[in-house]
Amino acid sequence: MAGTTLMPLDPALSPQQVNRILTITADLLPEEVVAARRARRTRAWVLAVVGVVLLALGGWYLIAEHGTSEANADLEAVTTQQTRLQRQQATYATVVNVQAETQTIARQLNTLLANDLQWADLIKVIRDTGRESGVTVEGIAASLNPTTAQGASAATSASGSLPTTSGAKSIGMITITGTAPDKPSVAKYVDSLGTLTTVANPFVSSVSAKSDANAVQFELSVDITDKALCGRFTTKCKTSGGN
């Protein structure tokens, strides 16, 4: 049996130094292998980037395709609605034409009847005002200024007429005759006429006692203002015809 010879430890070396493994490394791979590995890693990164780009392009294409489909569907719906409306318009073309003609006629009547005057309403206001003042209107004679009767504007027909307290233009005149219990009643009637907008400038031309001496006869005149101009196709008439 062979014996084992133990070498004595160098007293100058510690146990840690004796057991230490030397850190000596050496790269023994050939350069071709290293270059091949590096090329494979680069190729893998390139393929990964290309794959991500392709996925992004695919997603964008799908979104664009979906948006295009929705736009085409909306366009088809609008086109269908337009076709339906065109058919309805063709069906009711006569009605549309009649409505347009009606509007044209209304505008023409509005121009033609710009100086329309409702005599019945105006006379009723004069009589009602007299009754409220205690007088009886027996006669009314009215006339319009020539330019107003021919269709000119009320503003041009008022030249030479007296101004009114309301600033309205005078377009004609009314002569009123009637009876009253006494002169104060006539004065009250004149004051009441002065509050109206359809007439202005009331002026008493005569007041005389009747033969039975229980009443007086009077005659007065008032100007017709442009506030009395109204009609169906122009300014809407007030139901009272007065203020």
C-alpha atoms as a PDB file:
ATOM      1  CA  MET A   1       0.000   0.000   0.000  1.00  0.00           C
ATOM      2  CA  ALA A   2       1.482   3.185  -1.140  1.00  0.00           C
ATOM      3  CA  GLY A   3       1.812   5.845   1.406  1.00  0.00           C
ATOM      4  CA  THR A   4       0.677   9.462   1.071  1.00  0.00           C
ATOM      5  CA  THR A   5       3.209  12.030   1.602  1.00  0.00           C
ATOM      6  CA  LEU A   6       1.955  15.207   3.185  1.00  0.00           C
ATOM      7  CA  MET A   7       3.785  18.296   2.277  1.00  0.00           C
ATOM      8  CA  PRO A   8       4.267  20.687   5.076  1.00  0.00           C
ATOM      9  CA  LEU A   9       2.372  23.975   4.781  1.00  0.00           C
ATOM     10  CA  ASP A  10       4.290  27.014   4.088  1.00  0.00           C
ATOM     11  CA  PRO A  11       4.082  28.866   7.349  1.00  0.00           C
ATOM     12  CA  ALA A  12       4.086  32.131   5.327  1.00  0.00           C
ATOM     13  CA  LEU A  13       0.684  31.255   3.640  1.00  0.00           C
ATOM     14  CA  SER A  14      -2.685  31.372   5.400  1.00  0.00           C
ATOM     15  CA  PRO A  15      -5.329  28.648   4.886  1.00  0.00           C
ATOM     16  CA  GLN A  16      -7.514  31.117   2.925  1.00  0.00           C
ATOM     17  CA  GLN A  17      -4.696  31.832   0.508  1.00  0.00           C
ATOM     18  CA  VAL A  18      -3.978  28.142   0.066  1.00  0.00           C
ATOM     19  CA  ASN A  19      -7.677  27.337  -0.817  1.00  0.00           C
ATOM     20  CA  ARG A  20      -8.266  30.427  -3.046  1.00  0.00           C
ATOM     21  CA  ILE A  21      -9.275  29.660  -6.647  1.00  0.00           C
ATOM     22  CA  LEU A  22      -7.496  31.725  -9.182  1.00  0.00           C
ATOM     23  CA  THR A  23      -9.885  34.018 -11.190  1.00  0.00           C
ATOM     24  CA  ILE A  24      -8.283  33.605 -14.506  1.00  0.00           C
ATOM     25  CA  THR A  25     -10.734  33.517 -17.506  1.00  0.00           C
ATOM     26  CA  ALA A  26     -10.181  33.202 -21.163  1.00  0.00           C
ATOM     27  CA  ASP A  27     -12.647  33.482 -24.093  1.00  0.00           C
ATOM     28  CA  LEU A  28     -11.831  30.567 -26.273  1.00  0.00           C
ATOM     29  CA  LEU A  29     -14.816  30.963 -28.685  1.00  0.00           C
ATOM     30  CA  PRO A  30     -13.861  31.756 -32.241  1.00  0.00           C
ATOM     31  CA  GLU A  31     -14.785  35.216 -33.583  1.00  0.00           C
ATOM     32  CA  GLU A  32     -17.097  33.638 -36.158  1.00  0.00           C
ATOM     33  CA  VAL A  33     -19.280  32.108 -33.420  1.00  0.00           C
ATOM     34  CA  VAL A  34     -19.489  35.418 -31.514  1.00  0.00           C
ATOM     35  CA  ALA A  35     -20.396  37.336 -34.691  1.00  0.00           C
ATOM     36  CA  ALA A  36     -23.041  34.728 -35.566  1.00  0.00           C
ATOM     37  CA  ARG A  37     -24.665  35.031 -32.125  1.00  0.00           C
ATOM     38  CA  ARG A  38     -24.632  38.824 -32.337  1.00  0.00           C
ATOM     39  CA  ALA A  39     -26.205  38.679 -35.806  1.00  0.00           C
ATOM     40  CA  ARG A  40     -28.971  36.353 -34.547  1.00  0.00           C
ATOM     41  CA  ARG A  41     -29.787  38.716 -31.681  1.00  0.00           C
ATOM     42  CA  THR A  42     -29.891  41.706 -34.037  1.00  0.00           C
ATOM     43  CA  ARG A  43     -32.108  39.771 -36.461  1.00  0.00           C
ATOM     44  CA  ALA A  44     -34.473  38.857 -33.617  1.00  0.00           C
ATOM     45  CA  TRP A  45     -34.812  42.526 -32.539  1.00  0.00           C
ATOM     46  CA  VAL A  46     -35.421  43.604 -36.122  1.00  0.00           C
ATOM     47  CA  LEU A  47     -38.097  40.941 -36.604  1.00  0.00           C
ATOM     48  CA  ALA A  48     -39.741  41.969 -33.320  1.00  0.00           C
ATOM     49  CA  VAL A  49     -39.859  45.644 -34.374  1.00  0.00           C
ATOM     50  CA  VAL A  50     -41.202  44.708 -37.792  1.00  0.00           C
ATOM     51  CA  GLY A  51     -43.855  42.546 -36.146  1.00  0.00           C
ATOM     52  CA  VAL A  52     -44.973  45.403 -33.882  1.00  0.00           C
ATOM     53  CA  VAL A  53     -45.162  47.748 -36.896  1.00  0.00           C
ATOM     54  CA  LEU A  54     -47.187  45.204 -38.848  1.00  0.00           C
ATOM     55  CA  LEU A  55     -49.595  44.764 -35.930  1.00  0.00           C
ATOM     56  CA  ALA A  56     -50.010  48.542 -35.645  1.00  0.00           C
ATOM     57  CA  LEU A  57     -50.643  48.860 -39.372  1.00  0.00           C
ATOM     58  CA  GLY A  58     -53.145  46.023 -39.207  1.00  0.00           C
ATOM     59  CA  GLY A  59     -55.022  47.671 -36.341  1.00  0.00           C
ATOM     60  CA  TRP A  60     -55.070  51.014 -38.130  1.00  0.00           C
ATOM     61  CA  TYR A  61     -56.372  49.329 -41.279  1.00  0.00           C
ATOM     62  CA  LEU A  62     -59.161  47.632 -39.343  1.00  0.00           C
ATOM     63  CA  ILE A  63     -60.171  50.936 -37.713  1.00  0.00           C
ATOM     64  CA  ALA A  64     -60.096  52.733 -41.059  1.00  0.00           C
ATOM     65  CA  GLU A  65     -62.108  49.956 -42.677  1.00  0.00           C
ATOM     66  CA  HIS A  66     -64.711  50.161 -39.899  1.00  0.00           C
ATOM     67  CA  GLY A  67     -64.949  53.937 -40.230  1.00  0.00           C
ATOM     68  CA  THR A  68     -65.310  53.642 -44.003  1.00  0.00           C
ATOM     69  CA  SER A  69     -68.089  51.093 -43.585  1.00  0.00           C
ATOM     70  CA  GLU A  70     -69.969  53.351 -41.174  1.00  0.00           C
ATOM     71  CA  ALA A  71     -69.555  56.350 -43.512  1.00  0.00           C
ATOM     72  CA  ASN A  72     -70.847  54.312 -46.445  1.00  0.00           C
ATOM     73  CA  ALA A  73     -73.824  53.171 -44.364  1.00  0.00           C
ATOM     74  CA  ASP A  74     -74.619  56.788 -43.365  1.00  0.00           C
ATOM     75  CA  LEU A  75     -74.283  57.913 -46.978  1.00  0.00           C
ATOM     76  CA  GLU A  76     -76.628  55.175 -48.112  1.00  0.00           C
ATOM     77  CA  ALA A  77     -79.187  56.146 -45.446  1.00  0.00           C
ATOM     78  CA  VAL A  78     -79.016  59.839 -46.401  1.00  0.00           C
ATOM     79  CA  THR A  79     -79.311  58.979 -50.084  1.00  0.00           C
ATOM     80  CA  THR A  80     -82.359  56.828 -49.374  1.00  0.00           C
ATOM     81  CA  GLN A  81     -83.953  59.621 -47.330  1.00  0.00           C
ATOM     82  CA  GLN A  82     -83.223  62.151 -50.057  1.00  0.00           C
ATOM     83  CA  THR A  83     -84.827  59.912 -52.643  1.00  0.00           C
ATOM     84  CA  ARG A  84     -87.905  59.493 -50.445  1.00  0.00           C
ATOM     85  CA  LEU A  85     -88.170  63.253 -49.886  1.00  0.00           C
ATOM     86  CA  GLN A  86     -87.826  63.918 -53.588  1.00  0.00           C
ATOM     87  CA  ARG A  87     -90.666  61.498 -54.265  1.00  0.00           C
ATOM     88  CA  GLN A  88     -92.803  63.232 -51.619  1.00  0.00           C
ATOM     89  CA  GLN A  89     -91.969  66.607 -53.109  1.00  0.00           C
ATOM     90  CA  ALA A  90     -93.011  65.392 -56.520  1.00  0.00           C
ATOM     91  CA  THR A  91     -96.240  64.036 -55.029  1.00  0.00           C
ATOM     92  CA  TYR A  92     -97.101  67.303 -53.241  1.00  0.00           C
ATOM     93  CA  ALA A  93     -95.644  69.653 -55.857  1.00  0.00           C
ATOM     94  CA  THR A  94     -99.094  71.085 -56.557  1.00  0.00           C
ATOM     95  CA  VAL A  95     -99.642  71.890 -52.883  1.00  0.00           C
ATOM     96  CA  VAL A  96     -96.229  73.561 -52.621  1.00  0.00           C
ATOM     97  CA  ASN A  97     -96.927  75.654 -55.714  1.00  0.00           C
ATOM     98  CA  VAL A  98    -100.316  76.717 -54.350  1.00  0.00           C
ATOM     99  CA  GLN A  99     -98.724  77.746 -51.040  1.00  0.00           C
ATOM    100  CA  ALA A 100     -96.107  79.811 -52.871  1.00  0.00           C
ATOM    101  CA  GLU A 101     -98.785  81.485 -54.998  1.00  0.00           C
ATOM    102  CA  THR A 102    -100.859  82.192 -51.873  1.00  0.00           C
ATOM    103  CA  GLN A 103     -97.910  83.906 -50.195  1.00  0.00           C
ATOM    104  CA  THR A 104     -97.295  85.964 -53.333  1.00  0.00           C
ATOM    105  CA  ILE A 105    -100.940  87.047 -53.471  1.00  0.00           C
ATOM    106  CA  ALA A 106    -100.875  87.942 -49.768  1.00  0.00           C
ATOM    107  CA  ARG A 107     -97.830  90.166 -50.300  1.00  0.00           C
ATOM    108  CA  GLN A 108     -99.485  91.836 -53.269  1.00  0.00           C
ATOM    109  CA  LEU A 109    -102.666  92.446 -51.283  1.00  0.00           C
ATOM    110  CA  ASN A 110    -100.611  93.838 -48.423  1.00  0.00           C
ATOM    111  CA  THR A 111     -99.143  96.402 -50.816  1.00  0.00           C
ATOM    112  CA  LEU A 112    -102.426  97.104 -52.585  1.00  0.00           C
ATOM    113  CA  LEU A 113    -104.453  97.546 -49.378  1.00  0.00           C
ATOM    114  CA  ALA A 114    -101.816  99.482 -47.444  1.00  0.00           C
ATOM    115  CA  ASN A 115    -104.307 102.375 -47.106  1.00  0.00           C
ATOM    116  CA  ASP A 116    -107.340 100.220 -46.363  1.00  0.00           C
ATOM    117  CA  LEU A 117    -109.724 101.774 -43.827  1.00  0.00           C
ATOM    118  CA  GLN A 118    -112.521  99.971 -42.001  1.00  0.00           C
ATOM    119  CA  TRP A 119    -115.289 102.579 -42.176  1.00  0.00           C
ATOM    120  CA  ALA A 120    -117.783 100.475 -40.224  1.00  0.00           C
ATOM    121  CA  ASP A 121    -115.426 100.183 -37.247  1.00  0.00           C
ATOM    122  CA  LEU A 122    -114.546 103.881 -37.333  1.00  0.00           C
ATOM    123  CA  ILE A 123    -118.206 104.990 -37.495  1.00  0.00           C
ATOM    124  CA  LYS A 124    -119.099 102.595 -34.668  1.00  0.00           C
ATOM    125  CA  VAL A 125    -116.396 104.122 -32.467  1.00  0.00           C
ATOM    126  CA  ILE A 126    -117.677 107.638 -33.174  1.00  0.00           C
ATOM    127  CA  ARG A 127    -121.276 106.652 -32.349  1.00  0.00           C
ATOM    128  CA  ASP A 128    -120.295 104.669 -29.220  1.00  0.00           C
ATOM    129  CA  THR A 129    -118.185 107.559 -27.952  1.00  0.00           C
ATOM    130  CA  GLY A 130    -121.126 109.910 -28.461  1.00  0.00           C
ATOM    131  CA  ARG A 131    -123.506 107.602 -26.621  1.00  0.00           C
ATOM    132  CA  GLU A 132    -121.096 107.371 -23.683  1.00  0.00           C
ATOM    133  CA  SER A 133    -120.939 111.190 -23.596  1.00  0.00           C
ATOM    134  CA  GLY A 134    -124.724 111.549 -23.650  1.00  0.00           C
ATOM    135  CA  VAL A 135    -125.065 112.787 -27.241  1.00  0.00           C
ATOM    136  CA  THR A 136    -126.759 111.223 -30.256  1.00  0.00           C
ATOM    137  CA  VAL A 137    -124.832 111.125 -33.522  1.00  0.00           C
ATOM    138  CA  GLU A 138    -127.319 111.635 -36.367  1.00  0.00           C
ATOM    139  CA  GLY A 139    -125.118 112.229 -39.380  1.00  0.00           C
ATOM    140  CA  ILE A 140    -121.576 111.456 -40.496  1.00  0.00           C
ATOM    141  CA  ALA A 141    -119.924 112.746 -43.665  1.00  0.00           C
ATOM    142  CA  ALA A 142    -116.374 111.529 -44.293  1.00  0.00           C
ATOM    143  CA  SER A 143    -113.779 111.996 -46.986  1.00  0.00           C
ATOM    144  CA  LEU A 144    -110.158 110.994 -47.470  1.00  0.00           C
ATOM    145  CA  ASN A 145    -107.398 113.197 -48.780  1.00  0.00           C
ATOM    146  CA  PRO A 146    -106.999 112.709 -52.555  1.00  0.00           C
ATOM    147  CA  THR A 147    -103.505 111.235 -52.301  1.00  0.00           C
ATOM    148  CA  THR A 148    -104.628 108.725 -49.661  1.00  0.00           C
ATOM    149  CA  ALA A 149    -107.614 107.660 -51.726  1.00  0.00           C
ATOM    150  CA  GLN A 150    -105.300 107.044 -54.672  1.00  0.00           C
ATOM    151  CA  GLY A 151    -103.069 104.782 -52.610  1.00  0.00           C
ATOM    152  CA  ALA A 152    -100.274 107.112 -51.558  1.00  0.00           C
ATOM    153  CA  SER A 153     -98.743 106.798 -48.127  1.00  0.00           C
ATOM    154  CA  ALA A 154    -100.367 108.523 -45.176  1.00  0.00           C
ATOM    155  CA  ALA A 155     -97.177 110.457 -44.517  1.00  0.00           C
ATOM    156  CA  THR A 156     -97.302 112.211 -47.893  1.00  0.00           C
ATOM    157  CA  SER A 157    -101.039 112.866 -47.635  1.00  0.00           C
ATOM    158  CA  ALA A 158    -100.652 114.792 -44.395  1.00  0.00           C
ATOM    159  CA  SER A 159     -98.926 117.822 -45.865  1.00  0.00           C
ATOM    160  CA  GLY A 160    -100.754 121.001 -44.957  1.00  0.00           C
ATOM    161  CA  SER A 161    -102.914 119.369 -42.257  1.00  0.00           C
ATOM    162  CA  LEU A 162    -102.894 120.292 -38.599  1.00  0.00           C
ATOM    163  CA  PRO A 163    -100.563 118.298 -36.341  1.00  0.00           C
ATOM    164  CA  THR A 164    -102.145 115.872 -33.902  1.00  0.00           C
ATOM    165  CA  THR A 165    -101.369 115.485 -30.219  1.00  0.00           C
ATOM    166  CA  SER A 166    -100.404 111.830 -30.742  1.00  0.00           C
ATOM    167  CA  GLY A 167     -98.105 112.598 -33.657  1.00  0.00           C
ATOM    168  CA  ALA A 168    -100.240 110.552 -36.085  1.00  0.00           C
ATOM    169  CA  LYS A 169    -100.706 111.760 -39.665  1.00  0.00           C
ATOM    170  CA  SER A 170    -104.026 113.105 -40.901  1.00  0.00           C
ATOM    171  CA  ILE A 171    -105.436 111.253 -43.929  1.00  0.00           C
ATOM    172  CA  GLY A 172    -108.976 112.666 -44.109  1.00  0.00           C
ATOM    173  CA  MET A 173    -111.803 114.423 -42.293  1.00  0.00           C
ATOM    174  CA  ILE A 174    -115.196 113.530 -40.790  1.00  0.00           C
ATOM    175  CA  THR A 175    -118.075 115.961 -40.208  1.00  0.00           C
ATOM    176  CA  ILE A 176    -120.398 114.862 -37.398  1.00  0.00           C
ATOM    177  CA  THR A 177    -123.878 116.214 -36.698  1.00  0.00           C
ATOM    178  CA  GLY A 178    -126.166 115.286 -33.835  1.00  0.00           C
ATOM    179  CA  THR A 179    -128.115 116.347 -30.780  1.00  0.00           C
ATOM    180  CA  ALA A 180    -127.212 116.639 -27.104  1.00  0.00           C
ATOM    181  CA  PRO A 181    -129.070 117.539 -23.918  1.00  0.00           C
ATOM    182  CA  ASP A 182    -126.914 120.617 -23.430  1.00  0.00           C
ATOM    183  CA  LYS A 183    -123.651 122.280 -24.382  1.00  0.00           C
ATOM    184  CA  PRO A 184    -121.589 120.588 -21.592  1.00  0.00           C
ATOM    185  CA  SER A 185    -122.519 117.232 -23.141  1.00  0.00           C
ATOM    186  CA  VAL A 186    -121.164 118.433 -26.482  1.00  0.00           C
ATOM    187  CA  ALA A 187    -117.973 119.574 -24.753  1.00  0.00           C
ATOM    188  CA  LYS A 188    -117.666 116.164 -23.083  1.00  0.00           C
ATOM    189  CA  TYR A 189    -118.077 114.470 -26.457  1.00  0.00           C
ATOM    190  CA  VAL A 190    -115.321 116.651 -27.923  1.00  0.00           C
ATOM    191  CA  ASP A 191    -113.004 115.738 -25.036  1.00  0.00           C
ATOM    192  CA  SER A 192    -113.763 112.040 -25.516  1.00  0.00           C
ATOM    193  CA  LEU A 193    -112.999 112.257 -29.246  1.00  0.00           C
ATOM    194  CA  GLY A 194    -109.688 113.880 -28.360  1.00  0.00           C
ATOM    195  CA  THR A 195    -108.609 110.754 -26.462  1.00  0.00           C
ATOM    196  CA  LEU A 196    -108.962 108.499 -29.526  1.00  0.00           C
ATOM    197  CA  THR A 197    -106.039 107.660 -31.783  1.00  0.00           C
ATOM    198  CA  THR A 198    -108.039 107.041 -34.959  1.00  0.00           C
ATOM    199  CA  VAL A 199    -109.315 110.627 -35.016  1.00  0.00           C
ATOM    200  CA  ALA A 200    -107.782 113.928 -33.928  1.00  0.00           C
ATOM    201  CA  ASN A 201    -108.298 117.665 -33.714  1.00  0.00           C
ATOM    202  CA  PRO A 202    -112.045 117.718 -32.882  1.00  0.00           C
ATOM    203  CA  PHE A 203    -113.462 121.156 -33.669  1.00  0.00           C
ATOM    204  CA  VAL A 204    -117.013 122.374 -32.975  1.00  0.00           C
ATOM    205  CA  SER A 205    -118.304 124.480 -35.851  1.00  0.00           C
ATOM    206  CA  SER A 206    -121.809 125.205 -34.480  1.00  0.00           C
ATOM    207  CA  VAL A 207    -124.094 124.578 -31.504  1.00  0.00           C
ATOM    208  CA  SER A 208    -127.708 125.786 -31.553  1.00  0.00           C
ATOM    209  CA  ALA A 209    -130.806 125.176 -29.442  1.00  0.00           C
ATOM    210  CA  LYS A 210    -133.558 123.051 -30.924  1.00  0.00           C
ATOM    211  CA  SER A 211    -137.078 124.370 -31.321  1.00  0.00           C
ATOM    212  CA  ASP A 212    -138.321 122.430 -28.289  1.00  0.00           C
ATOM    213  CA  ALA A 213    -135.529 124.029 -26.182  1.00  0.00           C
ATOM    214  CA  ASN A 214    -134.859 120.667 -24.472  1.00  0.00           C
ATOM    215  CA  ALA A 215    -131.757 119.858 -26.514  1.00  0.00           C
ATOM    216  CA  VAL A 216    -129.122 121.405 -28.712  1.00  0.00           C
ATOM    217  CA  GLN A 217    -127.969 120.604 -32.195  1.00  0.00           C
ATOM    218  CA  PHE A 218    -124.257 120.529 -32.949  1.00  0.00           C
ATOM    219  CA  GLU A 219    -121.882 120.114 -35.818  1.00  0.00           C
ATOM    220  CA  LEU A 220    -118.185 119.297 -35.422  1.00  0.00           C
ATOM    221  CA  SER A 221    -115.331 117.977 -37.487  1.00  0.00           C
ATOM    222  CA  VAL A 222    -112.415 115.640 -36.725  1.00  0.00           C
ATOM    223  CA  ASP A 223    -109.384 114.549 -38.697  1.00  0.00           C
ATOM    224  CA  ILE A 224    -108.942 110.863 -39.560  1.00  0.00           C
ATOM    225  CA  THR A 225    -105.444 109.690 -38.601  1.00  0.00           C
ATOM    226  CA  ASP A 226    -103.332 106.970 -40.147  1.00  0.00           C
ATOM    227  CA  LYS A 227    -103.973 104.913 -37.006  1.00  0.00           C
ATOM    228  CA  ALA A 228    -107.356 104.089 -38.535  1.00  0.00           C
ATOM    229  CA  LEU A 229    -105.707 102.294 -41.464  1.00  0.00           C
ATOM    230  CA  CYS A 230    -105.998  98.563 -40.936  1.00  0.00           C
ATOM    231  CA  GLY A 231    -107.268  95.465 -42.649  1.00  0.00           C
ATOM    232  CA  ARG A 232    -106.960  91.746 -43.085  1.00  0.00           C
ATOM    233  CA  PHE A 233    -103.802  91.956 -45.188  1.00  0.00           C
ATOM    234  CA  THR A 234    -102.211  94.980 -43.481  1.00  0.00           C
ATOM    235  CA  THR A 235    -102.132  96.125 -39.863  1.00  0.00           C
ATOM    236  CA  LYS A 236    -104.508  94.096 -37.726  1.00  0.00           C
ATOM    237  CA  CYS A 237    -107.529  96.157 -36.687  1.00  0.00           C
ATOM    238  CA  LYS A 238    -108.228  96.606 -32.991  1.00  0.00           C
ATOM    239  CA  THR A 239    -111.561  95.239 -31.871  1.00  0.00           C
ATOM    240  CA  SER A 240    -112.480  98.545 -30.244  1.00  0.00           C
ATOM    241  CA  GLY A 241    -111.325 100.598 -33.212  1.00  0.00           C
ATOM    242  CA  GLY A 242    -110.331 103.416 -30.880  1.00  0.00           C
ATOM    243  CA  ASN A 243    -107.359 103.625 -28.554  1.00  0.00           C
END
